PDB file of N, CA and C in Angstrom:
ATOM      1  N   MET A   1      -6.213 255.544  81.791  1.00  0.00           N
ATOM      2  CA  MET A   1      -4.850 255.954  82.024  1.00  0.00           C
ATOM      3  C   MET A   1      -4.226 255.772  83.403  1.00  0.00           C
ATOM      4  N   PHE A   2      -4.994 255.818  84.513  1.00  0.00           N
ATOM      5  CA  PHE A   2      -4.315 255.466  85.499  1.00  0.00           C
ATOM      6  C   PHE A   2      -3.886 254.412  85.905  1.00  0.00           C
ATOM      7  N   ALA A   3      -4.936 253.247  85.528  1.00  0.00           N
ATOM      8  CA  ALA A   3      -4.946 251.831  85.430  1.00  0.00           C
ATOM      9  C   ALA A   3      -3.623 251.263  84.794  1.00  0.00           C
ATOM     10  N   ASN A   4      -3.369 251.898  83.598  1.00  0.00           N
ATOM     11  CA  ASN A   4      -2.056 251.378  82.838  1.00  0.00           C
ATOM     12  C   ASN A   4      -1.299 252.510  82.209  1.00  0.00           C
ATOM     13  N   PRO A   5      -0.404 253.326  82.943  1.00  0.00           N
ATOM     14  CA  PRO A   5       0.101 254.521  82.690  1.00  0.00           C
ATOM     15  C   PRO A   5       0.614 254.098  81.816  1.00  0.00           C
ATOM     16  N   PHE A   6       1.537 253.068  81.338  1.00  0.00           N
ATOM     17  CA  PHE A   6       2.216 252.882  80.086  1.00  0.00           C
ATOM     18  C   PHE A   6       1.742 252.207  78.909  1.00  0.00           C
ATOM     19  N   GLY A   7       0.679 252.096  79.051  1.00  0.00           N
ATOM     20  CA  GLY A   7      -0.307 251.589  77.829  1.00  0.00           C
ATOM     21  C   GLY A   7      -0.562 252.469  76.503  1.00  0.00           C
ATOM     22  N   SER A   8      -0.853 252.090  75.608  1.00  0.00           N
ATOM     23  CA  SER A   8      -0.775 252.759  74.390  1.00  0.00           C
ATOM     24  C   SER A   8      -1.609 253.960  74.315  1.00  0.00           C
ATOM     25  N   VAL A   9      -1.284 254.774  73.692  1.00  0.00           N
ATOM     26  CA  VAL A   9      -1.912 256.022  73.492  1.00  0.00           C
ATOM     27  C   VAL A   9      -3.083 256.001  72.493  1.00  0.00           C
ATOM     28  N   PRO A  10      -4.467 256.360  72.861  1.00  0.00           N
ATOM     29  CA  PRO A  10      -5.339 256.240  71.891  1.00  0.00           C
ATOM     30  C   PRO A  10      -5.059 257.039  70.702  1.00  0.00           C
ATOM     31  N   LYS A  11      -5.720 256.747  69.382  1.00  0.00           N
ATOM     32  CA  LYS A  11      -5.304 257.094  68.147  1.00  0.00           C
ATOM     33  C   LYS A  11      -6.539 258.131  67.910  1.00  0.00           C
ATOM     34  N   VAL A  12      -6.188 259.151  67.309  1.00  0.00           N
ATOM     35  CA  VAL A  12      -7.277 259.934  66.995  1.00  0.00           C
ATOM     36  C   VAL A  12      -8.194 259.466  65.832  1.00  0.00           C
ATOM     37  N   THR A  13      -9.844 259.561  65.985  1.00  0.00           N
ATOM     38  CA  THR A  13     -10.510 259.106  65.084  1.00  0.00           C
ATOM     39  C   THR A  13     -11.720 260.266  64.553  1.00  0.00           C
ATOM     40  N   LEU A  14     -12.005 259.704  63.648  1.00  0.00           N
ATOM     41  CA  LEU A  14     -13.210 260.792  62.685  1.00  0.00           C
ATOM     42  C   LEU A  14     -14.408 260.312  62.209  1.00  0.00           C
ATOM     43  N   HIS A  15     -15.365 260.787  62.130  1.00  0.00           N
ATOM     44  CA  HIS A  15     -16.566 260.218  61.820  1.00  0.00           C
ATOM     45  C   HIS A  15     -17.214 261.701  61.221  1.00  0.00           C
ATOM     46  N   LEU A  16     -17.865 261.538  60.044  1.00  0.00           N
ATOM     47  CA  LEU A  16     -18.451 262.413  59.335  1.00  0.00           C
ATOM     48  C   LEU A  16     -19.899 262.219  59.295  1.00  0.00           C
ATOM     49  N   ALA A  17     -20.862 263.260  59.343  1.00  0.00           N
ATOM     50  CA  ALA A  17     -22.352 262.805  59.105  1.00  0.00           C
ATOM     51  C   ALA A  17     -22.729 264.205  58.406  1.00  0.00           C
ATOM     52  N   LYS A  18     -23.850 263.959  57.959  1.00  0.00           N
ATOM     53  CA  LYS A  18     -24.779 265.131  57.088  1.00  0.00           C
ATOM     54  C   LYS A  18     -25.718 265.655  58.330  1.00  0.00           C
ATOM     55  N   ALA A  19     -25.932 266.704  58.631  1.00  0.00           N
ATOM     56  CA  ALA A  19     -27.140 267.249  59.421  1.00  0.00           C
ATOM     57  C   ALA A  19     -27.576 268.519  59.166  1.00  0.00           C
ATOM     58  N   GLY A  20     -28.733 268.358  58.527  1.00  0.00           N
ATOM     59  CA  GLY A  20     -29.311 269.873  57.738  1.00  0.00           C
ATOM     60  C   GLY A  20     -28.147 269.938  56.612  1.00  0.00           C
ATOM     61  N   GLY A  21     -27.761 271.402  56.263  1.00  0.00           N
ATOM     62  CA  GLY A  21     -27.337 271.904  55.272  1.00  0.00           C
ATOM     63  C   GLY A  21     -25.764 271.760  55.425  1.00  0.00           C
ATOM     64  N   HIS A  22     -24.952 271.052  56.619  1.00  0.00           N
ATOM     65  CA  HIS A  22     -23.756 271.333  56.870  1.00  0.00           C
ATOM     66  C   HIS A  22     -23.486 269.220  57.418  1.00  0.00           C
ATOM     67  N   VAL A  23     -22.056 269.345  57.423  1.00  0.00           N
ATOM     68  CA  VAL A  23     -21.484 268.370  57.672  1.00  0.00           C
ATOM     69  C   VAL A  23     -20.905 268.291  59.501  1.00  0.00           C
ATOM     70  N   VAL A  24     -21.117 267.731  59.995  1.00  0.00           N
ATOM     71  CA  VAL A  24     -20.574 267.659  61.221  1.00  0.00           C
ATOM     72  C   VAL A  24     -19.549 266.537  61.558  1.00  0.00           C
ATOM     73  N   ALA A  25     -18.370 267.052  62.271  1.00  0.00           N
ATOM     74  CA  ALA A  25     -17.153 265.927  62.425  1.00  0.00           C
ATOM     75  C   ALA A  25     -17.223 265.781  63.397  1.00  0.00           C
ATOM     76  N   THR A  26     -17.001 264.306  64.076  1.00  0.00           N
ATOM     77  CA  THR A  26     -17.168 263.936  65.301  1.00  0.00           C
ATOM     78  C   THR A  26     -16.016 262.698  65.549  1.00  0.00           C
ATOM     79  N   GLY A  27     -15.337 262.658  67.134  1.00  0.00           N
ATOM     80  CA  GLY A  27     -14.703 261.617  67.236  1.00  0.00           C
ATOM     81  C   GLY A  27     -13.822 261.609  68.346  1.00  0.00           C
ATOM     82  N   SER A  28     -12.537 261.274  68.375  1.00  0.00           N
ATOM     83  CA  SER A  28     -11.728 261.111  69.990  1.00  0.00           C
ATOM     84  C   SER A  28     -10.366 261.312  69.767  1.00  0.00           C
ATOM     85  N   GLY A  29      -9.592 261.270  70.911  1.00  0.00           N
ATOM     86  CA  GLY A  29      -8.453 261.381  70.478  1.00  0.00           C
ATOM     87  C   GLY A  29      -7.628 261.263  71.967  1.00  0.00           C
ATOM     88  N   PRO A  30      -6.386 261.350  72.291  1.00  0.00           N
ATOM     89  CA  PRO A  30      -5.632 261.619  73.546  1.00  0.00           C
ATOM     90  C   PRO A  30      -6.105 262.446  74.313  1.00  0.00           C
ATOM     91  N   VAL A  31      -5.857 261.992  75.525  1.00  0.00           N
ATOM     92  CA  VAL A  31      -6.245 262.486  76.742  1.00  0.00           C
ATOM     93  C   VAL A  31      -5.270 263.993  76.822  1.00  0.00           C
ATOM     94  N   GLY A  32      -6.134 265.290  76.678  1.00  0.00           N
ATOM     95  CA  GLY A  32      -5.393 266.196  77.021  1.00  0.00           C
ATOM     96  C   GLY A  32      -4.401 266.962  76.038  1.00  0.00           C
ATOM     97  N   ASP A  33      -5.043 266.362  74.940  1.00  0.00           N
ATOM     98  CA  ASP A  33      -4.268 266.781  73.518  1.00  0.00           C
ATOM     99  C   ASP A  33      -4.873 267.916  72.562  1.00  0.00           C
ATOM    100  N   TYR A  34      -4.184 268.490  72.250  1.00  0.00           N
ATOM    101  CA  TYR A  34      -4.780 269.566  70.815  1.00  0.00           C
ATOM    102  C   TYR A  34      -4.677 268.853  69.501  1.00  0.00           C
ATOM    103  N   LEU A  35      -5.831 269.645  68.620  1.00  0.00           N
ATOM    104  CA  LEU A  35      -5.964 268.744  67.676  1.00  0.00           C
ATOM    105  C   LEU A  35      -6.203 269.857  66.505  1.00  0.00           C
ATOM    106  N   LYS A  36      -6.010 269.408  65.334  1.00  0.00           N
ATOM    107  CA  LYS A  36      -6.164 270.377  64.544  1.00  0.00           C
ATOM    108  C   LYS A  36      -7.037 269.424  63.176  1.00  0.00           C
ATOM    109  N   LEU A  37      -8.332 270.565  62.699  1.00  0.00           N
ATOM    110  CA  LEU A  37      -9.122 270.023  61.629  1.00  0.00           C
ATOM    111  C   LEU A  37      -8.833 270.717  60.306  1.00  0.00           C
ATOM    112  N   GLU A  38      -9.073 270.042  59.331  1.00  0.00           N
ATOM    113  CA  GLU A  38      -8.490 270.526  57.905  1.00  0.00           C
ATOM    114  C   GLU A  38      -9.732 270.178  57.027  1.00  0.00           C
ATOM    115  N   VAL A  39     -10.308 270.941  56.080  1.00  0.00           N
ATOM    116  CA  VAL A  39     -11.243 270.714  55.253  1.00  0.00           C
ATOM    117  C   VAL A  39     -10.580 270.932  53.793  1.00  0.00           C
ATOM    118  N   TYR A  40     -10.698 270.087  52.593  1.00  0.00           N
ATOM    119  CA  TYR A  40     -10.382 270.553  51.492  1.00  0.00           C
ATOM    120  C   TYR A  40     -11.557 270.080  50.508  1.00  0.00           C
ATOM    121  N   LYS A  41     -11.980 271.288  49.663  1.00  0.00           N
ATOM    122  CA  LYS A  41     -12.717 270.841  48.739  1.00  0.00           C
ATOM    123  C   LYS A  41     -12.123 270.559  47.008  1.00  0.00           C
ATOM    124  N   GLY A  42     -11.909 269.393  47.045  1.00  0.00           N
ATOM    125  CA  GLY A  42     -10.743 269.225  46.093  1.00  0.00           C
ATOM    126  C   GLY A  42      -9.102 269.246  46.519  1.00  0.00           C
ATOM    127  N   SER A  43      -8.283 269.669  46.015  1.00  0.00           N
ATOM    128  CA  SER A  43      -7.323 270.004  46.423  1.00  0.00           C
ATOM    129  C   SER A  43      -7.084 271.352  47.095  1.00  0.00           C
ATOM    130  N   VAL A  44      -8.038 272.410  47.293  1.00  0.00           N
ATOM    131  CA  VAL A  44      -8.119 273.513  47.644  1.00  0.00           C
ATOM    132  C   VAL A  44      -8.347 273.739  49.333  1.00  0.00           C
ATOM    133  N   PRO A  45      -7.541 273.782  50.178  1.00  0.00           N
ATOM    134  CA  PRO A  45      -7.791 274.039  51.539  1.00  0.00           C
ATOM    135  C   PRO A  45      -8.990 275.221  51.702  1.00  0.00           C
ATOM    136  N   ARG A  46     -10.355 274.547  52.606  1.00  0.00           N
ATOM    137  CA  ARG A  46     -11.386 275.571  52.815  1.00  0.00           C
ATOM    138  C   ARG A  46     -11.643 276.030  53.971  1.00  0.00           C
ATOM    139  N   PHE A  47     -11.220 275.140  55.128  1.00  0.00           N
ATOM    140  CA  PHE A  47     -11.414 275.536  56.278  1.00  0.00           C
ATOM    141  C   PHE A  47     -10.093 274.922  57.457  1.00  0.00           C
ATOM    142  N   TYR A  48     -10.306 275.610  58.510  1.00  0.00           N
ATOM    143  CA  TYR A  48      -9.238 275.108  59.401  1.00  0.00           C
ATOM    144  C   TYR A  48      -9.808 275.260  60.986  1.00  0.00           C
ATOM    145  N   ALA A  49      -9.293 274.644  61.693  1.00  0.00           N
ATOM    146  CA  ALA A  49      -9.914 274.807  63.193  1.00  0.00           C
ATOM    147  C   ALA A  49      -8.574 273.749  64.064  1.00  0.00           C
ATOM    148  N   GLU A  50      -8.411 274.521  65.086  1.00  0.00           N
ATOM    149  CA  GLU A  50      -7.503 274.185  66.249  1.00  0.00           C
ATOM    150  C   GLU A  50      -8.311 273.781  67.324  1.00  0.00           C
ATOM    151  N   PHE A  51      -8.302 272.902  68.244  1.00  0.00           N
ATOM    152  CA  PHE A  51      -9.261 272.723  69.372  1.00  0.00           C
ATOM    153  C   PHE A  51      -8.728 271.596  69.949  1.00  0.00           C
ATOM    154  N   SER A  52      -9.227 271.571  71.438  1.00  0.00           N
ATOM    155  CA  SER A  52      -8.949 270.453  72.182  1.00  0.00           C
ATOM    156  C   SER A  52     -10.243 269.650  72.875  1.00  0.00           C
ATOM    157  N   LEU A  53     -10.036 268.807  73.201  1.00  0.00           N
ATOM    158  CA  LEU A  53     -11.227 267.708  73.437  1.00  0.00           C
ATOM    159  C   LEU A  53     -11.944 268.137  74.816  1.00  0.00           C
ATOM    160  N   ASN A  54     -13.088 267.700  74.649  1.00  0.00           N
ATOM    161  CA  ASN A  54     -14.050 267.769  76.080  1.00  0.00           C
ATOM    162  C   ASN A  54     -13.524 266.654  77.127  1.00  0.00           C
ATOM    163  N   ARG A  55     -14.194 266.870  78.197  1.00  0.00           N
ATOM    164  CA  ARG A  55     -13.975 265.851  79.510  1.00  0.00           C
ATOM    165  C   ARG A  55     -14.094 264.441  79.181  1.00  0.00           C
ATOM    166  N   PHE A  56     -14.659 263.855  78.238  1.00  0.00           N
ATOM    167  CA  PHE A  56     -14.649 262.869  77.864  1.00  0.00           C
ATOM    168  C   PHE A  56     -13.765 262.337  76.447  1.00  0.00           C
ATOM    169  N   ASN A  57     -12.922 263.200  76.146  1.00  0.00           N
ATOM    170  CA  ASN A  57     -11.969 263.129  75.117  1.00  0.00           C
ATOM    171  C   ASN A  57     -12.441 262.862  74.036  1.00  0.00           C
ATOM    172  N   GLN A  58     -13.598 263.630  73.546  1.00  0.00           N
ATOM    173  CA  GLN A  58     -14.465 263.648  72.249  1.00  0.00           C
ATOM    174  C   GLN A  58     -14.560 264.845  71.926  1.00  0.00           C
ATOM    175  N   TYR A  59     -14.663 264.961  70.461  1.00  0.00           N
ATOM    176  CA  TYR A  59     -15.026 266.421  69.950  1.00  0.00           C
ATOM    177  C   TYR A  59     -16.012 266.393  68.689  1.00  0.00           C
ATOM    178  N   ALA A  60     -16.977 267.499  68.497  1.00  0.00           N
ATOM    179  CA  ALA A  60     -18.169 267.438  67.666  1.00  0.00           C
ATOM    180  C   ALA A  60     -17.822 268.742  67.061  1.00  0.00           C
ATOM    181  N   ILE A  61     -17.564 268.907  65.574  1.00  0.00           N
ATOM    182  CA  ILE A  61     -17.368 270.368  65.172  1.00  0.00           C
ATOM    183  C   ILE A  61     -18.523 270.451  63.724  1.00  0.00           C
ATOM    184  N   ALA A  62     -19.453 271.581  63.739  1.00  0.00           N
ATOM    185  CA  ALA A  62     -20.515 271.547  62.848  1.00  0.00           C
ATOM    186  C   ALA A  62     -19.520 272.516  61.591  1.00  0.00           C
ATOM    187  N   LEU A  63     -19.203 271.907  60.683  1.00  0.00           N
ATOM    188  CA  LEU A  63     -18.716 273.036  59.564  1.00  0.00           C
ATOM    189  C   LEU A  63     -19.450 273.717  59.105  1.00  0.00           C
ATOM    190  N   PRO A  64     -18.567 274.980  58.511  1.00  0.00           N
ATOM    191  CA  PRO A  64     -19.933 275.710  57.899  1.00  0.00           C
ATOM    192  C   PRO A  64     -20.445 275.336  56.731  1.00  0.00           C
ATOM    193  N   ALA A  65     -21.659 275.730  56.765  1.00  0.00           N
ATOM    194  CA  ALA A  65     -22.767 275.404  55.696  1.00  0.00           C
ATOM    195  C   ALA A  65     -22.281 275.788  54.289  1.00  0.00           C
ATOM    196  N   VAL A  66     -21.625 277.090  54.357  1.00  0.00           N
ATOM    197  CA  VAL A  66     -21.017 277.347  52.789  1.00  0.00           C
ATOM    198  C   VAL A  66     -20.399 276.426  52.087  1.00  0.00           C
ATOM    199  N   LEU A  67     -19.694 275.366  53.333  1.00  0.00           N
ATOM    200  CA  LEU A  67     -18.674 274.383  52.390  1.00  0.00           C
ATOM    201  C   LEU A  67     -19.622 273.498  51.631  1.00  0.00           C
ATOM    202  N   GLY A  68     -20.824 273.028  51.881  1.00  0.00           N
ATOM    203  CA  GLY A  68     -21.712 272.250  51.321  1.00  0.00           C
ATOM    204  C   GLY A  68     -21.695 270.605  52.377  1.00  0.00           C
ATOM    205  N   THR A  69     -22.143 269.650  51.412  1.00  0.00           N
ATOM    206  CA  THR A  69     -22.150 268.584  52.148  1.00  0.00           C
ATOM    207  C   THR A  69     -21.435 267.382  51.016  1.00  0.00           C
ATOM    208  N   ARG A  70     -20.938 267.890  50.166  1.00  0.00           N
ATOM    209  CA  ARG A  70     -20.518 266.601  49.300  1.00  0.00           C
ATOM    210  C   ARG A  70     -19.069 267.051  48.890  1.00  0.00           C
ATOM    211  N   GLY A  71     -18.066 266.290  48.385  1.00  0.00           N
ATOM    212  CA  GLY A  71     -16.881 266.810  47.678  1.00  0.00           C
ATOM    213  C   GLY A  71     -16.171 267.174  48.846  1.00  0.00           C
ATOM    214  N   LEU A  72     -16.130 267.047  50.025  1.00  0.00           N
ATOM    215  CA  LEU A  72     -15.278 267.236  51.230  1.00  0.00           C
ATOM    216  C   LEU A  72     -14.377 266.371  51.493  1.00  0.00           C
ATOM    217  N   ARG A  73     -12.815 266.732  51.694  1.00  0.00           N
ATOM    218  CA  ARG A  73     -12.109 265.862  52.454  1.00  0.00           C
ATOM    219  C   ARG A  73     -11.440 266.615  53.860  1.00  0.00           C
ATOM    220  N   VAL A  74     -11.832 265.858  54.742  1.00  0.00           N
ATOM    221  CA  VAL A  74     -11.702 266.240  56.310  1.00  0.00           C
ATOM    222  C   VAL A  74     -10.505 265.372  56.816  1.00  0.00           C
ATOM    223  N   ARG A  75      -9.571 266.532  57.265  1.00  0.00           N
ATOM    224  CA  ARG A  75      -8.698 265.368  58.222  1.00  0.00           C
ATOM    225  C   ARG A  75      -8.477 266.055  59.366  1.00  0.00           C
ATOM    226  N   VAL A  76      -8.054 265.147  60.668  1.00  0.00           N
ATOM    227  CA  VAL A  76      -7.803 265.341  61.793  1.00  0.00           C
ATOM    228  C   VAL A  76      -6.424 264.773  62.406  1.00  0.00           C
ATOM    229  N   TYR A  77      -5.729 265.549  63.066  1.00  0.00           N
ATOM    230  CA  TYR A  77      -4.464 265.312  63.501  1.00  0.00           C
ATOM    231  C   TYR A  77      -4.297 265.869  64.892  1.00  0.00           C
ATOM    232  N   GLN A  78      -3.132 265.501  65.567  1.00  0.00           N
ATOM    233  CA  GLN A  78      -2.683 265.795  66.949  1.00  0.00           C
ATOM    234  C   GLN A  78      -1.627 267.167  66.124  1.00  0.00           C
ATOM    235  N   TYR A  79      -2.148 268.028  66.999  1.00  0.00           N
ATOM    236  CA  TYR A  79      -1.224 269.172  66.589  1.00  0.00           C
ATOM    237  C   TYR A  79       0.342 269.026  66.707  1.00  0.00           C
ATOM    238  N   TRP A  80       0.622 268.504  67.616  1.00  0.00           N
ATOM    239  CA  TRP A  80       2.273 268.598  67.662  1.00  0.00           C
ATOM    240  C   TRP A  80       2.683 267.515  66.876  1.00  0.00           C
ATOM    241  N   ALA A  81       1.872 266.345  66.213  1.00  0.00           N
ATOM    242  CA  ALA A  81       2.578 265.295  65.526  1.00  0.00           C
ATOM    243  C   ALA A  81       2.525 265.860  63.935  1.00  0.00           C
ATOM    244  N   GLY A  82       1.706 266.702  63.676  1.00  0.00           N
ATOM    245  CA  GLY A  82       2.010 266.792  62.150  1.00  0.00           C
ATOM    246  C   GLY A  82       0.796 265.874  60.966  1.00  0.00           C
ATOM    247  N   ALA A  83       0.597 266.807  60.163  1.00  0.00           N
ATOM    248  CA  ALA A  83      -0.309 266.280  59.327  1.00  0.00           C
ATOM    249  C   ALA A  83       0.076 264.733  58.698  1.00  0.00           C
ATOM    250  N   ALA A  84       1.261 264.181  58.898  1.00  0.00           N
ATOM    251  CA  ALA A  84       1.505 262.805  58.440  1.00  0.00           C
ATOM    252  C   ALA A  84       0.832 261.820  59.436  1.00  0.00           C
ATOM    253  N   SER A  85       0.269 262.382  60.640  1.00  0.00           N
ATOM    254  CA  SER A  85      -0.429 261.234  61.429  1.00  0.00           C
ATOM    255  C   SER A  85      -1.879 261.489  61.317  1.00  0.00           C
ATOM    256  N   ALA A  86      -2.489 261.997  60.216  1.00  0.00           N
ATOM    257  CA  ALA A  86      -3.793 262.536  60.332  1.00  0.00           C
ATOM    258  C   ALA A  86      -4.702 261.334  59.894  1.00  0.00           C
ATOM    259  N   VAL A  87      -5.747 261.210  60.372  1.00  0.00           N
ATOM    260  CA  VAL A  87      -6.977 260.570  59.843  1.00  0.00           C
ATOM    261  C   VAL A  87      -7.880 261.409  59.059  1.00  0.00           C
ATOM    262  N   GLN A  88      -7.997 260.608  57.761  1.00  0.00           N
ATOM    263  CA  GLN A  88      -8.819 261.468  56.956  1.00  0.00           C
ATOM    264  C   GLN A  88      -9.994 260.392  56.245  1.00  0.00           C
ATOM    265  N   LYS A  89     -11.212 261.218  55.871  1.00  0.00           N
ATOM    266  CA  LYS A  89     -12.483 260.869  55.521  1.00  0.00           C
ATOM    267  C   LYS A  89     -13.171 261.873  54.552  1.00  0.00           C
ATOM    268  N   HIS A  90     -13.463 261.171  53.518  1.00  0.00           N
ATOM    269  CA  HIS A  90     -14.287 262.059  52.425  1.00  0.00           C
ATOM    270  C   HIS A  90     -15.729 262.156  52.359  1.00  0.00           C
ATOM    271  N   ILE A  91     -16.415 263.081  51.946  1.00  0.00           N
ATOM    272  CA  ILE A  91     -17.964 263.005  52.362  1.00  0.00           C
ATOM    273  C   ILE A  91     -18.510 263.254  51.111  1.00  0.00           C
TER     274      ILE A  91
END
């Protein structure tokens, strides 16, 4: 950021992986931003989380095991930008 303060802002990324009996959502985003994670099973919302990134601009969130490990749609977006800017994955 300091080397090129007028450069482009990094986009939010999302990766999903199964770990034991639950799913772990990992990724990265813009420096110092707040993000929102939403989990849907089918079209029904099942879990929400609002969070900030760690000092390396990354996150790792273990989803509740009760959601299972299949049939989930997870999306993450910058809180201020709204859901229209969401990155989305299925597992």
